[in-house]
Amino acid sequence: MATVVQCLSSCANLNSKFKVLSLKGASSSPTSSFSARRGASATVCSSLSFSQSVSQCVAFSTGNMLVQNRPMRRQMVVCEAAPTKKADSAAKRARQAEKRRVYNKSKKSEARTRMKKVLEALDGLKKKAEAQPDEIVTVEKLIGEAYSAIDKAVKVRALHKNTGARRKSRLARRKKAVEIHHGWYVPATAAAAEEAVAMAA
Protein backbone atom coordinates (compact mmCIF):
# COMPACT_ATOMS: atom_id res chain seq x y z
CA MET A 1 0.00 0.00 0.00
CA ALA A 2 1.25 3.39 -0.91
CA THR A 3 2.65 5.65 1.74
CA VAL A 4 0.73 8.86 2.10
CA VAL A 5 2.36 12.02 3.34
CA GLN A 6 0.17 15.03 4.17
CA CYS A 7 1.28 18.61 4.38
CA LEU A 8 0.52 20.40 7.65
CA SER A 9 -0.45 24.00 7.10
CA SER A 10 1.70 25.40 4.34
CA CYS A 11 3.95 24.06 1.63
CA ALA A 12 6.43 26.82 2.41
CA ASN A 13 8.02 24.61 5.10
CA LEU A 14 8.95 22.05 2.45
CA ASN A 15 10.71 24.62 0.33
CA SER A 16 13.79 24.53 2.55
CA LYS A 17 14.15 20.76 2.08
CA PHE A 18 12.90 20.19 -1.42
CA LYS A 19 13.48 22.39 -4.40
CA VAL A 20 12.01 20.04 -6.97
CA LEU A 21 10.10 16.93 -6.03
CA SER A 22 10.16 14.12 -8.60
CA LEU A 23 7.99 11.05 -8.26
CA LYS A 24 7.75 7.76 -10.14
CA GLY A 25 6.96 8.25 -13.78
CA ALA A 26 8.17 11.90 -13.69
CA SER A 27 9.64 13.31 -16.84
CA SER A 28 13.08 14.79 -17.04
CA SER A 29 11.69 18.21 -17.76
CA PRO A 30 11.76 20.55 -14.74
CA THR A 31 8.38 21.96 -15.62
CA SER A 32 5.29 20.47 -13.99
CA SER A 33 2.67 18.71 -16.08
CA PHE A 34 -0.92 18.82 -14.84
CA SER A 35 -4.00 16.88 -15.88
CA ALA A 36 -7.62 17.24 -14.76
CA ARG A 37 -8.81 14.65 -12.24
CA ARG A 38 -11.83 14.48 -9.97
CA GLY A 39 -13.44 17.64 -11.38
CA ALA A 40 -12.24 21.19 -10.99
CA SER A 41 -11.20 20.81 -7.34
CA ALA A 42 -8.48 18.16 -7.91
CA THR A 43 -5.30 18.33 -10.00
CA VAL A 44 -2.89 15.42 -10.70
CA CYS A 45 0.74 16.14 -11.38
CA SER A 46 3.86 14.04 -11.80
CA SER A 47 6.35 16.57 -10.53
CA LEU A 48 5.86 19.79 -8.63
CA SER A 49 8.02 22.74 -7.64
CA PHE A 50 7.14 24.30 -4.30
CA SER A 51 7.23 27.99 -3.50
CA GLN A 52 6.40 30.02 -0.43
CA SER A 53 3.47 31.69 -2.18
CA VAL A 54 1.56 28.40 -2.50
CA SER A 55 -0.68 27.35 0.37
CA GLN A 56 -2.31 24.06 -0.51
CA CYS A 57 -3.00 20.69 1.01
CA VAL A 58 -0.93 17.97 -0.73
CA ALA A 59 -1.32 14.18 -0.45
CA PHE A 60 1.32 11.84 -1.95
CA SER A 61 0.64 8.41 -3.40
CA THR A 62 2.60 5.96 -5.55
CA GLY A 63 3.26 7.39 -8.96
CA ASN A 64 0.89 10.36 -8.74
CA MET A 65 0.36 13.48 -6.67
CA LEU A 66 -3.08 14.77 -5.76
CA VAL A 67 -3.36 18.49 -5.09
CA GLN A 68 -6.58 19.75 -3.56
CA ASN A 69 -7.24 23.46 -3.48
CA ARG A 70 -8.81 25.08 -0.45
CA PRO A 71 -12.27 26.54 -0.99
CA MET A 72 -12.14 30.24 -1.84
CA ARG A 73 -14.16 32.77 0.12
CA ARG A 74 -16.97 34.60 -1.62
CA GLN A 75 -16.00 38.03 -2.88
CA MET A 76 -18.37 40.88 -3.62
CA VAL A 77 -17.70 43.11 -6.59
CA VAL A 78 -19.34 46.54 -6.55
CA CYS A 79 -19.74 48.09 -9.97
CA GLU A 80 -20.73 51.70 -10.52
CA ALA A 81 -22.54 52.43 -13.74
CA ALA A 82 -21.02 55.13 -15.86
CA PRO A 83 -23.23 58.16 -16.55
CA THR A 84 -25.15 57.60 -19.73
CA LYS A 85 -25.41 60.29 -22.35
CA LYS A 86 -28.84 61.33 -23.55
CA ALA A 87 -29.87 60.19 -26.98
CA ASP A 88 -29.99 62.75 -29.76
CA SER A 89 -33.80 62.66 -29.90
CA ALA A 90 -34.10 63.13 -26.12
CA ALA A 91 -31.66 66.04 -26.15
CA LYS A 92 -33.60 67.67 -28.99
CA ARG A 93 -36.88 67.28 -27.09
CA ALA A 94 -35.29 68.84 -24.02
CA ARG A 95 -34.15 71.84 -26.06
CA GLN A 96 -37.59 72.24 -27.61
CA ALA A 97 -39.32 72.02 -24.23
CA GLU A 98 -37.06 74.68 -22.74
CA LYS A 99 -37.60 76.98 -25.73
CA ARG A 100 -41.39 76.61 -25.50
CA ARG A 101 -41.36 77.11 -21.74
CA VAL A 102 -39.58 80.46 -22.08
CA TYR A 103 -41.90 81.57 -24.90
CA ASN A 104 -45.08 80.59 -23.03
CA LYS A 105 -43.81 82.25 -19.89
CA SER A 106 -43.34 85.55 -21.74
CA LYS A 107 -46.87 85.39 -23.18
CA LYS A 108 -48.47 84.70 -19.80
CA SER A 109 -46.39 87.42 -18.17
CA GLU A 110 -47.48 89.96 -20.78
CA ALA A 111 -51.16 89.09 -20.23
CA ARG A 112 -50.81 89.47 -16.46
CA THR A 113 -49.02 92.80 -16.83
CA ARG A 114 -51.77 94.21 -19.08
CA MET A 115 -54.46 93.05 -16.68
CA LYS A 116 -52.65 94.62 -13.75
CA LYS A 117 -52.49 97.99 -15.51
CA VAL A 118 -56.23 97.88 -16.26
CA LEU A 119 -57.15 97.00 -12.68
CA GLU A 120 -54.94 99.75 -11.26
CA ALA A 121 -56.49 102.32 -13.63
CA LEU A 122 -60.02 101.22 -12.69
CA ASP A 123 -59.25 101.38 -8.96
CA GLY A 124 -57.86 104.90 -9.34
CA LEU A 125 -60.88 106.00 -11.35
CA LYS A 126 -63.29 104.53 -8.83
CA LYS A 127 -61.63 106.36 -5.93
CA LYS A 128 -61.68 109.67 -7.80
CA ALA A 129 -64.54 111.82 -6.50
CA GLU A 130 -65.14 114.08 -9.47
CA ALA A 131 -64.44 111.70 -12.34
CA GLN A 132 -65.67 112.52 -15.85
CA PRO A 133 -67.18 110.01 -18.28
CA ASP A 134 -64.45 110.82 -20.83
CA GLU A 135 -61.82 109.35 -18.52
CA ILE A 136 -63.16 105.87 -19.12
CA VAL A 137 -61.83 106.05 -22.72
CA THR A 138 -58.24 105.75 -21.50
CA VAL A 139 -59.17 102.68 -19.49
CA GLU A 140 -60.92 101.17 -22.51
CA LYS A 141 -57.68 101.42 -24.50
CA LEU A 142 -55.86 99.56 -21.76
CA ILE A 143 -58.62 96.96 -21.73
CA GLY A 144 -58.22 96.48 -25.48
CA GLU A 145 -54.46 95.89 -25.07
CA ALA A 146 -55.16 93.39 -22.29
CA TYR A 147 -57.69 91.55 -24.45
CA SER A 148 -55.15 91.36 -27.28
CA ALA A 149 -52.45 89.95 -24.99
CA ILE A 150 -54.87 87.36 -23.58
CA ASP A 151 -56.00 86.29 -27.05
CA LYS A 152 -52.40 85.87 -28.21
CA ALA A 153 -51.61 83.72 -25.17
CA VAL A 154 -54.65 81.56 -25.90
CA LYS A 155 -53.70 81.27 -29.57
CA VAL A 156 -50.25 79.83 -28.82
CA ARG A 157 -51.81 77.65 -26.07
CA ALA A 158 -49.93 79.36 -23.28
CA LEU A 159 -53.36 79.83 -21.67
CA HIS A 160 -56.43 77.66 -21.86
CA LYS A 161 -59.31 79.23 -23.80
CA ASN A 162 -61.58 79.09 -20.75
CA THR A 163 -58.92 80.82 -18.67
CA GLY A 164 -58.63 83.58 -21.27
CA ALA A 165 -62.42 84.06 -21.38
CA ARG A 166 -62.60 84.20 -17.60
CA ARG A 167 -59.91 86.89 -17.37
CA LYS A 168 -61.54 89.06 -20.04
CA SER A 169 -64.86 88.71 -18.26
CA ARG A 170 -63.22 89.82 -15.01
CA LEU A 171 -61.98 93.03 -16.63
CA ALA A 172 -65.38 93.76 -18.21
CA ARG A 173 -67.20 93.26 -14.90
CA ARG A 174 -64.74 95.50 -13.07
CA LYS A 175 -65.21 98.24 -15.67
CA LYS A 176 -68.99 98.01 -15.43
CA ALA A 177 -68.79 98.23 -11.64
CA VAL A 178 -66.85 101.52 -11.90
CA GLU A 179 -69.39 102.94 -14.36
CA ILE A 180 -72.29 101.99 -12.11
CA HIS A 181 -70.49 103.51 -9.14
CA HIS A 182 -70.23 106.89 -10.87
CA GLY A 183 -73.69 106.69 -12.45
CA TRP A 184 -72.42 106.51 -16.03
CA TYR A 185 -74.20 103.25 -16.63
CA VAL A 186 -77.62 102.10 -15.47
CA PRO A 187 -78.44 98.40 -15.70
CA ALA A 188 -81.42 97.43 -17.83
CA THR A 189 -83.35 95.97 -14.91
CA ALA A 190 -82.87 99.12 -12.81
CA ALA A 191 -83.90 101.35 -15.74
CA ALA A 192 -87.06 99.29 -16.31
CA ALA A 193 -87.90 99.52 -12.60
CA GLU A 194 -87.49 103.31 -12.63
CA GLU A 195 -89.70 103.66 -15.69
CA ALA A 196 -92.39 101.54 -14.08
CA VAL A 197 -92.29 103.71 -10.95
CA ALA A 198 -92.53 106.87 -13.04
CA MET A 199 -95.47 105.59 -15.04
CA ALA A 200 -97.30 104.52 -11.89
CA ALA A 201 -96.89 107.96 -10.40
C-alpha atoms as a PDB file:
ATOM      1  CA  MET A   1       0.000   0.000   0.000  1.00  0.00           C
ATOM      2  CA  ALA A   2       1.246   3.386  -0.909  1.00  0.00           C
ATOM      3  CA  THR A   3       2.648   5.647   1.742  1.00  0.00           C
ATOM      4  CA  VAL A   4       0.731   8.861   2.098  1.00  0.00           C
ATOM      5  CA  VAL A   5       2.357  12.024   3.341  1.00  0.00           C
ATOM      6  CA  GLN A   6       0.167  15.027   4.173  1.00  0.00           C
ATOM      7  CA  CYS A   7       1.278  18.614   4.377  1.00  0.00           C
ATOM      8  CA  LEU A   8       0.523  20.404   7.649  1.00  0.00           C
ATOM      9  CA  SER A   9      -0.454  24.002   7.103  1.00  0.00           C
ATOM     10  CA  SER A  10       1.705  25.405   4.339  1.00  0.00           C
ATOM     11  CA  CYS A  11       3.948  24.062   1.634  1.00  0.00           C
ATOM     12  CA  ALA A  12       6.435  26.819   2.410  1.00  0.00           C
ATOM     13  CA  ASN A  13       8.022  24.606   5.103  1.00  0.00           C
ATOM     14  CA  LEU A  14       8.951  22.052   2.451  1.00  0.00           C
ATOM     15  CA  ASN A  15      10.710  24.621   0.333  1.00  0.00           C
ATOM     16  CA  SER A  16      13.788  24.533   2.551  1.00  0.00           C
ATOM     17  CA  LYS A  17      14.153  20.763   2.084  1.00  0.00           C
ATOM     18  CA  PHE A  18      12.903  20.194  -1.423  1.00  0.00           C
ATOM     19  CA  LYS A  19      13.476  22.392  -4.402  1.00  0.00           C
ATOM     20  CA  VAL A  20      12.014  20.037  -6.966  1.00  0.00           C
ATOM     21  CA  LEU A  21      10.102  16.933  -6.026  1.00  0.00           C
ATOM     22  CA  SER A  22      10.156  14.117  -8.602  1.00  0.00           C
ATOM     23  CA  LEU A  23       7.988  11.048  -8.264  1.00  0.00           C
ATOM     24  CA  LYS A  24       7.747   7.759 -10.139  1.00  0.00           C
ATOM     25  CA  GLY A  25       6.955   8.253 -13.777  1.00  0.00           C
ATOM     26  CA  ALA A  26       8.174  11.896 -13.692  1.00  0.00           C
ATOM     27  CA  SER A  27       9.640  13.306 -16.837  1.00  0.00           C
ATOM     28  CA  SER A  28      13.085  14.786 -17.036  1.00  0.00           C
ATOM     29  CA  SER A  29      11.686  18.212 -17.764  1.00  0.00           C
ATOM     30  CA  PRO A  30      11.762  20.546 -14.739  1.00  0.00           C
ATOM     31  CA  THR A  31       8.376  21.965 -15.625  1.00  0.00           C
ATOM     32  CA  SER A  32       5.290  20.466 -13.992  1.00  0.00           C
ATOM     33  CA  SER A  33       2.667  18.708 -16.083  1.00  0.00           C
ATOM     34  CA  PHE A  34      -0.919  18.816 -14.837  1.00  0.00           C
ATOM     35  CA  SER A  35      -3.998  16.883 -15.876  1.00  0.00           C
ATOM     36  CA  ALA A  36      -7.621  17.243 -14.763  1.00  0.00           C
ATOM     37  CA  ARG A  37      -8.813  14.655 -12.238  1.00  0.00           C
ATOM     38  CA  ARG A  38     -11.832  14.477  -9.971  1.00  0.00           C
ATOM     39  CA  GLY A  39     -13.435  17.643 -11.377  1.00  0.00           C
ATOM     40  CA  ALA A  40     -12.242  21.193 -10.991  1.00  0.00           C
ATOM     41  CA  SER A  41     -11.198  20.811  -7.344  1.00  0.00           C
ATOM     42  CA  ALA A  42      -8.476  18.162  -7.914  1.00  0.00           C
ATOM     43  CA  THR A  43      -5.301  18.327 -10.005  1.00  0.00           C
ATOM     44  CA  VAL A  44      -2.895  15.421 -10.704  1.00  0.00           C
ATOM     45  CA  CYS A  45       0.743  16.143 -11.379  1.00  0.00           C
ATOM     46  CA  SER A  46       3.864  14.044 -11.803  1.00  0.00           C
ATOM     47  CA  SER A  47       6.352  16.569 -10.526  1.00  0.00           C
ATOM     48  CA  LEU A  48       5.857  19.790  -8.631  1.00  0.00           C
ATOM     49  CA  SER A  49       8.018  22.738  -7.636  1.00  0.00           C
ATOM     50  CA  PHE A  50       7.143  24.297  -4.301  1.00  0.00           C
ATOM     51  CA  SER A  51       7.226  27.993  -3.502  1.00  0.00           C
ATOM     52  CA  GLN A  52       6.397  30.021  -0.428  1.00  0.00           C
ATOM     53  CA  SER A  53       3.467  31.689  -2.184  1.00  0.00           C
ATOM     54  CA  VAL A  54       1.558  28.398  -2.502  1.00  0.00           C
ATOM     55  CA  SER A  55      -0.677  27.351   0.370  1.00  0.00           C
ATOM     56  CA  GLN A  56      -2.313  24.055  -0.506  1.00  0.00           C
ATOM     57  CA  CYS A  57      -3.005  20.686   1.012  1.00  0.00           C
ATOM     58  CA  VAL A  58      -0.928  17.966  -0.731  1.00  0.00           C
ATOM     59  CA  ALA A  59      -1.323  14.179  -0.453  1.00  0.00           C
ATOM     60  CA  PHE A  60       1.322  11.845  -1.949  1.00  0.00           C
ATOM     61  CA  SER A  61       0.643   8.406  -3.396  1.00  0.00           C
ATOM     62  CA  THR A  62       2.604   5.962  -5.545  1.00  0.00           C
ATOM     63  CA  GLY A  63       3.261   7.394  -8.965  1.00  0.00           C
ATOM     64  CA  ASN A  64       0.895  10.357  -8.740  1.00  0.00           C
ATOM     65  CA  MET A  65       0.359  13.479  -6.667  1.00  0.00           C
ATOM     66  CA  LEU A  66      -3.079  14.771  -5.760  1.00  0.00           C
ATOM     67  CA  VAL A  67      -3.360  18.491  -5.089  1.00  0.00           C
ATOM     68  CA  GLN A  68      -6.581  19.748  -3.563  1.00  0.00           C
ATOM     69  CA  ASN A  69      -7.238  23.460  -3.483  1.00  0.00           C
ATOM     70  CA  ARG A  70      -8.807  25.079  -0.452  1.00  0.00           C
ATOM     71  CA  PRO A  71     -12.273  26.544  -0.990  1.00  0.00           C
ATOM     72  CA  MET A  72     -12.138  30.236  -1.845  1.00  0.00           C
ATOM     73  CA  ARG A  73     -14.163  32.772   0.119  1.00  0.00           C
ATOM     74  CA  ARG A  74     -16.973  34.601  -1.620  1.00  0.00           C
ATOM     75  CA  GLN A  75     -16.002  38.030  -2.878  1.00  0.00           C
ATOM     76  CA  MET A  76     -18.369  40.876  -3.623  1.00  0.00           C
ATOM     77  CA  VAL A  77     -17.702  43.112  -6.587  1.00  0.00           C
ATOM     78  CA  VAL A  78     -19.336  46.536  -6.548  1.00  0.00           C
ATOM     79  CA  CYS A  79     -19.739  48.095  -9.970  1.00  0.00           C
ATOM     80  CA  GLU A  80     -20.726  51.697 -10.521  1.00  0.00           C
ATOM     81  CA  ALA A  81     -22.543  52.433 -13.742  1.00  0.00           C
ATOM     82  CA  ALA A  82     -21.017  55.128 -15.861  1.00  0.00           C
ATOM     83  CA  PRO A  83     -23.231  58.156 -16.548  1.00  0.00           C
ATOM     84  CA  THR A  84     -25.155  57.598 -19.730  1.00  0.00           C
ATOM     85  CA  LYS A  85     -25.410  60.289 -22.349  1.00  0.00           C
ATOM     86  CA  LYS A  86     -28.840  61.327 -23.547  1.00  0.00           C
ATOM     87  CA  ALA A  87     -29.872  60.190 -26.978  1.00  0.00           C
ATOM     88  CA  ASP A  88     -29.988  62.750 -29.757  1.00  0.00           C
ATOM     89  CA  SER A  89     -33.805  62.655 -29.897  1.00  0.00           C
ATOM     90  CA  ALA A  90     -34.103  63.131 -26.119  1.00  0.00           C
ATOM     91  CA  ALA A  91     -31.656  66.040 -26.154  1.00  0.00           C
ATOM     92  CA  LYS A  92     -33.599  67.668 -28.986  1.00  0.00           C
ATOM     93  CA  ARG A  93     -36.880  67.275 -27.086  1.00  0.00           C
ATOM     94  CA  ALA A  94     -35.291  68.837 -24.021  1.00  0.00           C
ATOM     95  CA  ARG A  95     -34.146  71.844 -26.056  1.00  0.00           C
ATOM     96  CA  GLN A  96     -37.587  72.239 -27.612  1.00  0.00           C
ATOM     97  CA  ALA A  97     -39.325  72.017 -24.231  1.00  0.00           C
ATOM     98  CA  GLU A  98     -37.063  74.679 -22.741  1.00  0.00           C
ATOM     99  CA  LYS A  99     -37.604  76.980 -25.732  1.00  0.00           C
ATOM    100  CA  ARG A 100     -41.390  76.606 -25.497  1.00  0.00           C
ATOM    101  CA  ARG A 101     -41.356  77.107 -21.738  1.00  0.00           C
ATOM    102  CA  VAL A 102     -39.580  80.461 -22.077  1.00  0.00           C
ATOM    103  CA  TYR A 103     -41.895  81.567 -24.901  1.00  0.00           C
ATOM    104  CA  ASN A 104     -45.077  80.590 -23.033  1.00  0.00           C
ATOM    105  CA  LYS A 105     -43.810  82.254 -19.888  1.00  0.00           C
ATOM    106  CA  SER A 106     -43.341  85.545 -21.738  1.00  0.00           C
ATOM    107  CA  LYS A 107     -46.871  85.386 -23.178  1.00  0.00           C
ATOM    108  CA  LYS A 108     -48.475  84.702 -19.802  1.00  0.00           C
ATOM    109  CA  SER A 109     -46.388  87.416 -18.175  1.00  0.00           C
ATOM    110  CA  GLU A 110     -47.483  89.958 -20.779  1.00  0.00           C
ATOM    111  CA  ALA A 111     -51.155  89.089 -20.234  1.00  0.00           C
ATOM    112  CA  ARG A 112     -50.805  89.466 -16.459  1.00  0.00           C
ATOM    113  CA  THR A 113     -49.017  92.801 -16.831  1.00  0.00           C
ATOM    114  CA  ARG A 114     -51.766  94.211 -19.081  1.00  0.00           C
ATOM    115  CA  MET A 115     -54.460  93.054 -16.680  1.00  0.00           C
ATOM    116  CA  LYS A 116     -52.649  94.625 -13.747  1.00  0.00           C
ATOM    117  CA  LYS A 117     -52.487  97.990 -15.512  1.00  0.00           C
ATOM    118  CA  VAL A 118     -56.226  97.884 -16.261  1.00  0.00           C
ATOM    119  CA  LEU A 119     -57.148  96.997 -12.682  1.00  0.00           C
ATOM    120  CA  GLU A 120     -54.938  99.748 -11.259  1.00  0.00           C
ATOM    121  CA  ALA A 121     -56.486 102.325 -13.631  1.00  0.00           C
ATOM    122  CA  LEU A 122     -60.017 101.225 -12.689  1.00  0.00           C
ATOM    123  CA  ASP A 123     -59.249 101.383  -8.965  1.00  0.00           C
ATOM    124  CA  GLY A 124     -57.860 104.897  -9.339  1.00  0.00           C
ATOM    125  CA  LEU A 125     -60.878 106.000 -11.351  1.00  0.00           C
ATOM    126  CA  LYS A 126     -63.288 104.530  -8.831  1.00  0.00           C
ATOM    127  CA  LYS A 127     -61.635 106.363  -5.929  1.00  0.00           C
ATOM    128  CA  LYS A 128     -61.684 109.670  -7.795  1.00  0.00           C
ATOM    129  CA  ALA A 129     -64.537 111.816  -6.496  1.00  0.00           C
ATOM    130  CA  GLU A 130     -65.145 114.080  -9.472  1.00  0.00           C
ATOM    131  CA  ALA A 131     -64.437 111.696 -12.343  1.00  0.00           C
ATOM    132  CA  GLN A 132     -65.668 112.521 -15.845  1.00  0.00           C
ATOM    133  CA  PRO A 133     -67.178 110.009 -18.284  1.00  0.00           C
ATOM    134  CA  ASP A 134     -64.450 110.820 -20.827  1.00  0.00           C
ATOM    135  CA  GLU A 135     -61.819 109.347 -18.518  1.00  0.00           C
ATOM    136  CA  ILE A 136     -63.158 105.870 -19.124  1.00  0.00           C
ATOM    137  CA  VAL A 137     -61.827 106.049 -22.716  1.00  0.00           C
ATOM    138  CA  THR A 138     -58.235 105.748 -21.496  1.00  0.00           C
ATOM    139  CA  VAL A 139     -59.170 102.684 -19.490  1.00  0.00           C
ATOM    140  CA  GLU A 140     -60.916 101.174 -22.506  1.00  0.00           C
ATOM    141  CA  LYS A 141     -57.675 101.415 -24.504  1.00  0.00           C
ATOM    142  CA  LEU A 142     -55.865  99.555 -21.755  1.00  0.00           C
ATOM    143  CA  ILE A 143     -58.616  96.960 -21.728  1.00  0.00           C
ATOM    144  CA  GLY A 144     -58.218  96.480 -25.483  1.00  0.00           C
ATOM    145  CA  GLU A 145     -54.464  95.891 -25.068  1.00  0.00           C
ATOM    146  CA  ALA A 146     -55.155  93.394 -22.293  1.00  0.00           C
ATOM    147  CA  TYR A 147     -57.689  91.553 -24.451  1.00  0.00           C
ATOM    148  CA  SER A 148     -55.150  91.356 -27.280  1.00  0.00           C
ATOM    149  CA  ALA A 149     -52.450  89.948 -24.994  1.00  0.00           C
ATOM    150  CA  ILE A 150     -54.867  87.360 -23.578  1.00  0.00           C
ATOM    151  CA  ASP A 151     -56.002  86.290 -27.050  1.00  0.00           C
ATOM    152  CA  LYS A 152     -52.396  85.866 -28.213  1.00  0.00           C
ATOM    153  CA  ALA A 153     -51.610  83.719 -25.170  1.00  0.00           C
ATOM    154  CA  VAL A 154     -54.648  81.561 -25.897  1.00  0.00           C
ATOM    155  CA  LYS A 155     -53.699  81.266 -29.573  1.00  0.00           C
ATOM    156  CA  VAL A 156     -50.248  79.832 -28.818  1.00  0.00           C
ATOM    157  CA  ARG A 157     -51.808  77.653 -26.074  1.00  0.00           C
ATOM    158  CA  ALA A 158     -49.927  79.355 -23.285  1.00  0.00           C
ATOM    159  CA  LEU A 159     -53.358  79.830 -21.665  1.00  0.00           C
ATOM    160  CA  HIS A 160     -56.435  77.659 -21.864  1.00  0.00           C
ATOM    161  CA  LYS A 161     -59.307  79.228 -23.799  1.00  0.00           C
ATOM    162  CA  ASN A 162     -61.576  79.094 -20.748  1.00  0.00           C
ATOM    163  CA  THR A 163     -58.917  80.825 -18.672  1.00  0.00           C
ATOM    164  CA  GLY A 164     -58.633  83.577 -21.274  1.00  0.00           C
ATOM    165  CA  ALA A 165     -62.424  84.065 -21.380  1.00  0.00           C
ATOM    166  CA  ARG A 166     -62.595  84.200 -17.601  1.00  0.00           C
ATOM    167  CA  ARG A 167     -59.913  86.887 -17.373  1.00  0.00           C
ATOM    168  CA  LYS A 168     -61.537  89.057 -20.042  1.00  0.00           C
ATOM    169  CA  SER A 169     -64.858  88.711 -18.261  1.00  0.00           C
ATOM    170  CA  ARG A 170     -63.224  89.822 -15.014  1.00  0.00           C
ATOM    171  CA  LEU A 171     -61.977  93.030 -16.626  1.00  0.00           C
ATOM    172  CA  ALA A 172     -65.382  93.758 -18.210  1.00  0.00           C
ATOM    173  CA  ARG A 173     -67.199  93.261 -14.898  1.00  0.00           C
ATOM    174  CA  ARG A 174     -64.736  95.501 -13.073  1.00  0.00           C
ATOM    175  CA  LYS A 175     -65.205  98.242 -15.671  1.00  0.00           C
ATOM    176  CA  LYS A 176     -68.986  98.006 -15.428  1.00  0.00           C
ATOM    177  CA  ALA A 177     -68.788  98.228 -11.644  1.00  0.00           C
ATOM    178  CA  VAL A 178     -66.855 101.520 -11.901  1.00  0.00           C
ATOM    179  CA  GLU A 179     -69.392 102.943 -14.364  1.00  0.00           C
ATOM    180  CA  ILE A 180     -72.294 101.989 -12.112  1.00  0.00           C
ATOM    181  CA  HIS A 181     -70.488 103.509  -9.139  1.00  0.00           C
ATOM    182  CA  HIS A 182     -70.229 106.895 -10.866  1.00  0.00           C
ATOM    183  CA  GLY A 183     -73.688 106.688 -12.449  1.00  0.00           C
ATOM    184  CA  TRP A 184     -72.422 106.514 -16.029  1.00  0.00           C
ATOM    185  CA  TYR A 185     -74.200 103.252 -16.626  1.00  0.00           C
ATOM    186  CA  VAL A 186     -77.621 102.103 -15.471  1.00  0.00           C
ATOM    187  CA  PRO A 187     -78.435  98.397 -15.702  1.00  0.00           C
ATOM    188  CA  ALA A 188     -81.420  97.433 -17.828  1.00  0.00           C
ATOM    189  CA  THR A 189     -83.346  95.972 -14.907  1.00  0.00           C
ATOM    190  CA  ALA A 190     -82.868  99.118 -12.810  1.00  0.00           C
ATOM    191  CA  ALA A 191     -83.904 101.350 -15.737  1.00  0.00           C
ATOM    192  CA  ALA A 192     -87.057  99.289 -16.308  1.00  0.00           C
ATOM    193  CA  ALA A 193     -87.898  99.522 -12.604  1.00  0.00           C
ATOM    194  CA  GLU A 194     -87.488 103.314 -12.629  1.00  0.00           C
ATOM    195  CA  GLU A 195     -89.697 103.659 -15.691  1.00  0.00           C
ATOM    196  CA  ALA A 196     -92.389 101.541 -14.077  1.00  0.00           C
ATOM    197  CA  VAL A 197     -92.290 103.709 -10.952  1.00  0.00           C
ATOM    198  CA  ALA A 198     -92.526 106.869 -13.044  1.00  0.00           C
ATOM    199  CA  MET A 199     -95.471 105.594 -15.037  1.00  0.00           C
ATOM    200  CA  ALA A 200     -97.303 104.517 -11.888  1.00  0.00           C
ATOM    201  CA  ALA A 201     -96.887 107.961 -10.397  1.00  0.00           C
END
